Amino acid sequence: MAERAGMTLEEYTIELLSQSLDPRDRAVEYIEVAQELLVEARRELEEKDYRQAAGRLWGSAALAVEAYALKREGRRLVSHRELWEYKEKLIEELGEWVYDAWIAAGSMHTCFYEGWCSTGDVEKALKRVERFVESVRRVLEEPGYSSSGV
């Protein structure tokens, strides 16, 4: 079902559980799961399960972008293309460093499927994605943050 909906299993689960929530509450759920995925990624990195750690890093970054879109515009992103397009708004609003974090996360998505990344690749990506998710979380916590009144 998740694959047919164009989502990861984590995204699909969140979607099912949060369908009745308003966009602000859904954004909070998304960013909390993004943070949980980072904890799992760190554990998997320590266990040398680089492929799974990489998948969690991609999922965490993707959920952070989705949370931002939900909170900012009440918009649900439904494809990888929309994630890649929407990350431009985060670059504009948070800074050029977001590009590096996003590219690192994207390389982890590839690593998850191809299994080619090294310990160093995952460690570097983890640092960048952690900063990214934490920055998005802080923005979402700002009182009244939303350009659409959501």
N, C-alpha and C. Protein backbone atom coordinates (compact mmCIF):
# COMPACT_ATOMS: atom_id res chain seq x y z
N MET A 1 0.82 -1.19 0.00
CA MET A 1 0.00 0.00 0.00
C MET A 1 0.86 1.26 0.00
N ALA A 2 1.89 1.30 0.86
CA ALA A 2 2.74 2.48 0.94
C ALA A 2 3.38 2.76 -0.41
N GLU A 3 3.90 1.71 -1.04
CA GLU A 3 4.57 1.87 -2.33
C GLU A 3 3.61 2.41 -3.38
N ARG A 4 2.40 1.89 -3.41
CA ARG A 4 1.41 2.38 -4.37
C ARG A 4 1.06 3.84 -4.13
N ALA A 5 1.13 4.26 -2.88
CA ALA A 5 0.83 5.65 -2.54
C ALA A 5 2.04 6.55 -2.75
N GLY A 6 3.18 5.97 -3.14
CA GLY A 6 4.39 6.75 -3.38
C GLY A 6 5.05 7.23 -2.10
N MET A 7 4.91 6.45 -1.02
CA MET A 7 5.46 6.83 0.28
C MET A 7 6.29 5.70 0.85
N THR A 8 7.17 6.08 1.78
CA THR A 8 7.87 5.05 2.55
C THR A 8 6.87 4.47 3.54
N LEU A 9 7.23 3.35 4.14
CA LEU A 9 6.35 2.75 5.13
C LEU A 9 6.12 3.71 6.30
N GLU A 10 7.19 4.39 6.73
CA GLU A 10 7.06 5.35 7.83
C GLU A 10 6.09 6.46 7.46
N GLU A 11 6.24 7.02 6.26
CA GLU A 11 5.36 8.10 5.81
C GLU A 11 3.91 7.63 5.73
N TYR A 12 3.72 6.43 5.21
CA TYR A 12 2.37 5.89 5.06
C TYR A 12 1.71 5.69 6.43
N THR A 13 2.48 5.17 7.38
CA THR A 13 1.95 4.95 8.72
C THR A 13 1.53 6.27 9.36
N ILE A 14 2.39 7.26 9.25
CA ILE A 14 2.06 8.58 9.80
C ILE A 14 0.81 9.12 9.13
N GLU A 15 0.74 8.97 7.82
CA GLU A 15 -0.41 9.48 7.07
C GLU A 15 -1.70 8.84 7.57
N LEU A 16 -1.69 7.55 7.76
CA LEU A 16 -2.89 6.86 8.24
C LEU A 16 -3.28 7.31 9.64
N LEU A 17 -2.29 7.47 10.49
CA LEU A 17 -2.57 7.83 11.88
C LEU A 17 -2.96 9.29 12.06
N SER A 18 -2.55 10.12 11.12
CA SER A 18 -2.76 11.56 11.33
C SER A 18 -3.76 12.18 10.36
N GLN A 19 -4.52 11.38 9.64
CA GLN A 19 -5.45 11.92 8.65
C GLN A 19 -6.45 12.89 9.25
N SER A 20 -6.85 12.69 10.48
CA SER A 20 -7.86 13.57 11.06
C SER A 20 -7.26 14.81 11.72
N LEU A 21 -5.95 14.91 11.80
CA LEU A 21 -5.32 16.06 12.43
C LEU A 21 -5.27 17.25 11.48
N ASP A 22 -5.27 18.45 12.04
CA ASP A 22 -5.09 19.61 11.18
C ASP A 22 -3.62 19.68 10.77
N PRO A 23 -3.30 20.45 9.72
CA PRO A 23 -1.92 20.47 9.20
C PRO A 23 -0.86 20.83 10.23
N ARG A 24 -1.16 21.73 11.16
CA ARG A 24 -0.17 22.09 12.18
C ARG A 24 0.18 20.89 13.06
N ASP A 25 -0.85 20.16 13.46
CA ASP A 25 -0.61 18.98 14.30
C ASP A 25 0.10 17.88 13.52
N ARG A 26 -0.25 17.73 12.26
CA ARG A 26 0.42 16.74 11.42
C ARG A 26 1.89 17.10 11.25
N ALA A 27 2.19 18.37 11.10
CA ALA A 27 3.58 18.81 10.96
C ALA A 27 4.38 18.41 12.19
N VAL A 28 3.80 18.58 13.36
CA VAL A 28 4.47 18.19 14.60
C VAL A 28 4.73 16.69 14.61
N GLU A 29 3.73 15.91 14.21
CA GLU A 29 3.91 14.45 14.15
C GLU A 29 5.04 14.09 13.19
N TYR A 30 5.08 14.72 12.03
CA TYR A 30 6.12 14.43 11.04
C TYR A 30 7.51 14.73 11.60
N ILE A 31 7.67 15.87 12.26
CA ILE A 31 9.00 16.23 12.73
C ILE A 31 9.42 15.34 13.90
N GLU A 32 8.46 14.91 14.71
CA GLU A 32 8.79 13.98 15.80
C GLU A 32 9.26 12.64 15.25
N VAL A 33 8.60 12.15 14.22
CA VAL A 33 9.04 10.89 13.61
C VAL A 33 10.40 11.08 12.94
N ALA A 34 10.63 12.24 12.33
CA ALA A 34 11.93 12.53 11.72
C ALA A 34 13.03 12.43 12.78
N GLN A 35 12.76 12.96 13.96
CA GLN A 35 13.74 12.89 15.05
C GLN A 35 13.95 11.45 15.52
N GLU A 36 12.87 10.68 15.59
CA GLU A 36 13.00 9.27 15.98
C GLU A 36 13.82 8.50 14.95
N LEU A 37 13.63 8.81 13.69
CA LEU A 37 14.42 8.14 12.65
C LEU A 37 15.90 8.46 12.79
N LEU A 38 16.23 9.67 13.23
CA LEU A 38 17.63 10.02 13.45
C LEU A 38 18.23 9.18 14.58
N VAL A 39 17.47 8.96 15.63
CA VAL A 39 17.94 8.11 16.74
C VAL A 39 18.20 6.70 16.21
N GLU A 40 17.28 6.18 15.42
CA GLU A 40 17.45 4.85 14.84
C GLU A 40 18.65 4.81 13.90
N ALA A 41 18.83 5.86 13.11
CA ALA A 41 19.97 5.91 12.19
C ALA A 41 21.29 5.87 12.95
N ARG A 42 21.36 6.62 14.04
CA ARG A 42 22.59 6.63 14.85
C ARG A 42 22.86 5.23 15.42
N ARG A 43 21.82 4.57 15.92
CA ARG A 43 21.97 3.22 16.47
C ARG A 43 22.43 2.25 15.38
N GLU A 44 21.82 2.34 14.21
CA GLU A 44 22.19 1.44 13.11
C GLU A 44 23.60 1.71 12.62
N LEU A 45 24.02 2.97 12.64
CA LEU A 45 25.39 3.30 12.28
C LEU A 45 26.35 2.64 13.27
N GLU A 46 26.05 2.73 14.56
CA GLU A 46 26.90 2.09 15.58
C GLU A 46 26.95 0.58 15.39
N GLU A 47 25.85 0.00 14.91
CA GLU A 47 25.79 -1.44 14.67
C GLU A 47 26.35 -1.83 13.30
N LYS A 48 26.86 -0.84 12.58
CA LYS A 48 27.44 -1.02 11.24
C LYS A 48 26.43 -1.47 10.19
N ASP A 49 25.18 -1.15 10.42
CA ASP A 49 24.13 -1.44 9.44
C ASP A 49 23.92 -0.17 8.61
N TYR A 50 24.89 0.09 7.73
CA TYR A 50 24.93 1.35 7.00
C TYR A 50 23.74 1.53 6.07
N ARG A 51 23.32 0.47 5.49
CA ARG A 51 22.20 0.55 4.55
C ARG A 51 20.93 1.02 5.26
N GLN A 52 20.62 0.42 6.40
CA GLN A 52 19.43 0.82 7.15
C GLN A 52 19.58 2.24 7.71
N ALA A 53 20.77 2.56 8.19
CA ALA A 53 21.01 3.92 8.69
C ALA A 53 20.77 4.93 7.58
N ALA A 54 21.25 4.60 6.39
CA ALA A 54 21.07 5.50 5.25
C ALA A 54 19.59 5.70 4.93
N GLY A 55 18.84 4.63 4.95
CA GLY A 55 17.40 4.73 4.68
C GLY A 55 16.70 5.60 5.70
N ARG A 56 17.08 5.48 6.96
CA ARG A 56 16.48 6.31 8.02
C ARG A 56 16.84 7.78 7.82
N LEU A 57 18.07 8.04 7.39
CA LEU A 57 18.47 9.44 7.17
C LEU A 57 17.65 10.07 6.06
N TRP A 58 17.46 9.34 4.97
CA TRP A 58 16.61 9.86 3.89
C TRP A 58 15.20 10.11 4.40
N GLY A 59 14.64 9.14 5.10
CA GLY A 59 13.29 9.28 5.62
C GLY A 59 13.14 10.47 6.55
N SER A 60 14.13 10.68 7.38
CA SER A 60 14.11 11.79 8.32
C SER A 60 14.10 13.14 7.59
N ALA A 61 14.98 13.28 6.61
CA ALA A 61 15.04 14.53 5.85
C ALA A 61 13.75 14.76 5.07
N ALA A 62 13.23 13.71 4.46
CA ALA A 62 11.99 13.84 3.68
C ALA A 62 10.83 14.26 4.59
N LEU A 63 10.74 13.67 5.77
CA LEU A 63 9.67 14.04 6.70
C LEU A 63 9.82 15.48 7.19
N ALA A 64 11.06 15.93 7.34
CA ALA A 64 11.27 17.33 7.75
C ALA A 64 10.76 18.29 6.68
N VAL A 65 11.02 17.98 5.42
CA VAL A 65 10.51 18.83 4.33
C VAL A 65 8.99 18.79 4.32
N GLU A 66 8.43 17.61 4.49
CA GLU A 66 6.96 17.49 4.52
C GLU A 66 6.37 18.27 5.69
N ALA A 67 7.00 18.20 6.85
CA ALA A 67 6.52 18.94 8.02
C ALA A 67 6.52 20.43 7.74
N TYR A 68 7.58 20.90 7.12
CA TYR A 68 7.71 22.32 6.81
C TYR A 68 6.59 22.77 5.87
N ALA A 69 6.34 21.98 4.84
CA ALA A 69 5.28 22.32 3.88
C ALA A 69 3.91 22.31 4.54
N LEU A 70 3.67 21.35 5.40
CA LEU A 70 2.38 21.28 6.10
C LEU A 70 2.17 22.49 7.00
N LYS A 71 3.19 22.82 7.77
CA LYS A 71 3.07 23.93 8.72
C LYS A 71 2.99 25.27 8.00
N ARG A 72 3.82 25.42 6.98
CA ARG A 72 3.92 26.71 6.30
C ARG A 72 2.71 26.99 5.42
N GLU A 73 2.26 25.96 4.68
CA GLU A 73 1.22 26.18 3.68
C GLU A 73 0.02 25.25 3.82
N GLY A 74 0.06 24.34 4.78
CA GLY A 74 -1.00 23.34 4.87
C GLY A 74 -0.99 22.39 3.69
N ARG A 75 0.17 22.27 3.07
CA ARG A 75 0.30 21.48 1.84
C ARG A 75 0.94 20.13 2.12
N ARG A 76 0.36 19.08 1.59
CA ARG A 76 0.92 17.74 1.69
C ARG A 76 1.68 17.43 0.41
N LEU A 77 2.94 17.09 0.55
CA LEU A 77 3.77 16.73 -0.60
C LEU A 77 3.57 15.24 -0.86
N VAL A 78 3.31 14.88 -2.11
CA VAL A 78 2.93 13.49 -2.40
C VAL A 78 3.92 12.73 -3.28
N SER A 79 5.04 13.35 -3.63
CA SER A 79 6.00 12.64 -4.48
C SER A 79 7.42 13.10 -4.17
N HIS A 80 8.38 12.30 -4.59
CA HIS A 80 9.77 12.71 -4.44
C HIS A 80 10.03 13.99 -5.22
N ARG A 81 9.41 14.13 -6.36
CA ARG A 81 9.59 15.35 -7.15
C ARG A 81 9.16 16.58 -6.35
N GLU A 82 8.00 16.47 -5.68
CA GLU A 82 7.54 17.61 -4.87
C GLU A 82 8.48 17.90 -3.71
N LEU A 83 9.05 16.86 -3.12
CA LEU A 83 10.05 17.08 -2.06
C LEU A 83 11.24 17.86 -2.60
N TRP A 84 11.75 17.42 -3.75
CA TRP A 84 12.91 18.08 -4.34
C TRP A 84 12.59 19.52 -4.73
N GLU A 85 11.41 19.76 -5.22
CA GLU A 85 11.02 21.13 -5.57
C GLU A 85 10.85 21.98 -4.32
N TYR A 86 10.21 21.43 -3.31
CA TYR A 86 9.90 22.21 -2.11
C TYR A 86 11.15 22.54 -1.29
N LYS A 87 12.17 21.71 -1.38
CA LYS A 87 13.39 21.99 -0.63
C LYS A 87 13.98 23.33 -1.00
N GLU A 88 13.64 23.85 -2.19
CA GLU A 88 14.11 25.18 -2.59
C GLU A 88 13.60 26.25 -1.63
N LYS A 89 12.37 26.10 -1.13
CA LYS A 89 11.82 27.06 -0.16
C LYS A 89 12.62 27.03 1.13
N LEU A 90 13.03 25.85 1.54
CA LEU A 90 13.83 25.75 2.76
C LEU A 90 15.20 26.37 2.56
N ILE A 91 15.77 26.21 1.38
CA ILE A 91 17.06 26.84 1.08
C ILE A 91 16.91 28.35 1.15
N GLU A 92 15.85 28.88 0.55
CA GLU A 92 15.60 30.33 0.59
C GLU A 92 15.43 30.84 2.01
N GLU A 93 14.71 30.10 2.83
CA GLU A 93 14.36 30.58 4.16
C GLU A 93 15.37 30.22 5.24
N LEU A 94 16.07 29.11 5.10
CA LEU A 94 17.01 28.68 6.14
C LEU A 94 18.47 28.89 5.76
N GLY A 95 18.75 28.90 4.46
CA GLY A 95 20.12 29.13 4.03
C GLY A 95 20.62 28.09 3.05
N GLU A 96 21.69 28.45 2.39
CA GLU A 96 22.28 27.60 1.34
C GLU A 96 22.77 26.26 1.89
N TRP A 97 23.12 26.21 3.17
CA TRP A 97 23.60 24.96 3.77
C TRP A 97 22.56 23.84 3.65
N VAL A 98 21.28 24.20 3.53
CA VAL A 98 20.22 23.19 3.40
C VAL A 98 20.45 22.35 2.15
N TYR A 99 20.98 22.97 1.10
CA TYR A 99 21.26 22.23 -0.13
C TYR A 99 22.20 21.06 0.17
N ASP A 100 23.28 21.34 0.89
CA ASP A 100 24.24 20.28 1.22
C ASP A 100 23.61 19.17 2.05
N ALA A 101 22.77 19.56 3.01
CA ALA A 101 22.10 18.56 3.84
C ALA A 101 21.16 17.71 2.99
N TRP A 102 20.44 18.37 2.08
CA TRP A 102 19.48 17.65 1.24
C TRP A 102 20.19 16.69 0.29
N ILE A 103 21.29 17.14 -0.30
CA ILE A 103 22.05 16.28 -1.21
C ILE A 103 22.63 15.09 -0.44
N ALA A 104 23.09 15.33 0.78
CA ALA A 104 23.59 14.23 1.61
C ALA A 104 22.47 13.23 1.88
N ALA A 105 21.28 13.73 2.20
CA ALA A 105 20.14 12.84 2.44
C ALA A 105 19.78 12.07 1.17
N GLY A 106 19.81 12.75 0.03
CA GLY A 106 19.51 12.09 -1.24
C GLY A 106 20.51 10.99 -1.56
N SER A 107 21.77 11.22 -1.22
CA SER A 107 22.77 10.17 -1.46
C SER A 107 22.51 8.98 -0.54
N MET A 108 21.96 9.24 0.63
CA MET A 108 21.61 8.14 1.53
C MET A 108 20.43 7.34 0.98
N HIS A 109 19.53 8.00 0.29
CA HIS A 109 18.42 7.30 -0.35
C HIS A 109 18.97 6.31 -1.38
N THR A 110 19.93 6.78 -2.18
CA THR A 110 20.58 5.91 -3.16
C THR A 110 21.32 4.78 -2.45
N CYS A 111 22.03 5.12 -1.39
CA CYS A 111 22.79 4.11 -0.64
C CYS A 111 21.87 3.02 -0.11
N PHE A 112 20.69 3.40 0.34
CA PHE A 112 19.75 2.41 0.87
C PHE A 112 19.44 1.36 -0.19
N TYR A 113 19.26 1.81 -1.43
CA TYR A 113 18.93 0.86 -2.50
C TYR A 113 20.15 0.17 -3.09
N GLU A 114 21.27 0.87 -3.16
CA GLU A 114 22.46 0.32 -3.81
C GLU A 114 23.46 -0.30 -2.83
N GLY A 115 23.46 0.16 -1.59
CA GLY A 115 24.35 -0.38 -0.58
C GLY A 115 25.81 -0.04 -0.75
N TRP A 116 26.12 1.09 -1.35
CA TRP A 116 27.51 1.40 -1.65
C TRP A 116 28.18 2.37 -0.69
N CYS A 117 27.50 2.92 0.28
CA CYS A 117 28.10 3.98 1.10
C CYS A 117 29.02 3.42 2.19
N SER A 118 29.95 4.26 2.58
CA SER A 118 30.92 3.89 3.61
C SER A 118 30.48 4.43 4.97
N THR A 119 31.20 4.02 5.99
CA THR A 119 30.96 4.54 7.34
C THR A 119 31.03 6.06 7.33
N GLY A 120 32.07 6.59 6.71
CA GLY A 120 32.26 8.04 6.66
C GLY A 120 31.13 8.76 5.95
N ASP A 121 30.64 8.15 4.87
CA ASP A 121 29.51 8.75 4.15
C ASP A 121 28.30 8.90 5.07
N VAL A 122 27.99 7.85 5.80
CA VAL A 122 26.82 7.86 6.68
C VAL A 122 27.04 8.81 7.86
N GLU A 123 28.24 8.82 8.42
CA GLU A 123 28.54 9.73 9.53
C GLU A 123 28.38 11.19 9.12
N LYS A 124 28.91 11.54 7.96
CA LYS A 124 28.80 12.92 7.47
C LYS A 124 27.36 13.29 7.18
N ALA A 125 26.64 12.38 6.55
CA ALA A 125 25.23 12.65 6.25
C ALA A 125 24.43 12.80 7.53
N LEU A 126 24.72 11.98 8.53
CA LEU A 126 24.01 12.06 9.80
C LEU A 126 24.15 13.45 10.42
N LYS A 127 25.35 13.99 10.43
CA LYS A 127 25.56 15.33 10.99
C LYS A 127 24.74 16.38 10.24
N ARG A 128 24.76 16.30 8.92
CA ARG A 128 24.03 17.29 8.12
C ARG A 128 22.52 17.17 8.29
N VAL A 129 22.03 15.94 8.28
CA VAL A 129 20.58 15.72 8.41
C VAL A 129 20.12 16.08 9.82
N GLU A 130 20.92 15.78 10.83
CA GLU A 130 20.55 16.19 12.20
C GLU A 130 20.39 17.70 12.29
N ARG A 131 21.33 18.43 11.73
CA ARG A 131 21.23 19.90 11.74
C ARG A 131 19.98 20.36 11.01
N PHE A 132 19.71 19.74 9.88
CA PHE A 132 18.55 20.10 9.06
C PHE A 132 17.25 19.87 9.83
N VAL A 133 17.08 18.69 10.39
CA VAL A 133 15.85 18.36 11.12
C VAL A 133 15.69 19.27 12.33
N GLU A 134 16.77 19.50 13.05
CA GLU A 134 16.69 20.38 14.22
C GLU A 134 16.32 21.81 13.82
N SER A 135 16.85 22.29 12.72
CA SER A 135 16.52 23.64 12.25
C SER A 135 15.05 23.74 11.86
N VAL A 136 14.56 22.73 11.17
CA VAL A 136 13.14 22.72 10.80
C VAL A 136 12.28 22.67 12.06
N ARG A 137 12.66 21.84 13.02
CA ARG A 137 11.89 21.75 14.27
C ARG A 137 11.81 23.11 14.96
N ARG A 138 12.92 23.82 15.03
CA ARG A 138 12.92 25.14 15.68
C ARG A 138 12.01 26.11 14.95
N VAL A 139 12.04 26.09 13.63
CA VAL A 139 11.17 26.99 12.86
C VAL A 139 9.71 26.66 13.12
N LEU A 140 9.39 25.39 13.15
CA LEU A 140 8.00 24.99 13.36
C LEU A 140 7.49 25.36 14.74
N GLU A 141 8.39 25.50 15.70
CA GLU A 141 8.00 25.86 17.05
C GLU A 141 7.81 27.36 17.23
N GLU A 142 8.22 28.15 16.24
CA GLU A 142 8.05 29.60 16.36
C GLU A 142 6.57 29.93 16.43
N PRO A 143 6.18 30.78 17.39
CA PRO A 143 4.76 31.14 17.51
C PRO A 143 4.23 31.77 16.23
N GLY A 144 3.10 31.27 15.79
CA GLY A 144 2.45 31.86 14.62
C GLY A 144 3.13 31.59 13.31
N TYR A 145 4.12 30.68 13.28
CA TYR A 145 4.81 30.44 12.02
C TYR A 145 3.89 29.78 11.02
N SER A 146 3.58 30.51 9.98
CA SER A 146 2.78 30.02 8.86
C SER A 146 2.47 31.19 7.97
N SER A 147 2.78 31.06 6.71
CA SER A 147 2.48 32.17 5.80
C SER A 147 1.05 32.12 5.32
N SER A 148 0.37 30.99 5.55
CA SER A 148 -0.99 30.85 5.04
C SER A 148 -2.04 30.95 6.13
N GLY A 149 -1.59 31.24 7.35
CA GLY A 149 -2.53 31.32 8.45
C GLY A 149 -2.91 29.97 9.00
N VAL A 150 -2.25 28.92 8.53
CA VAL A 150 -2.55 27.56 9.00
C VAL A 150 -2.00 27.39 10.40
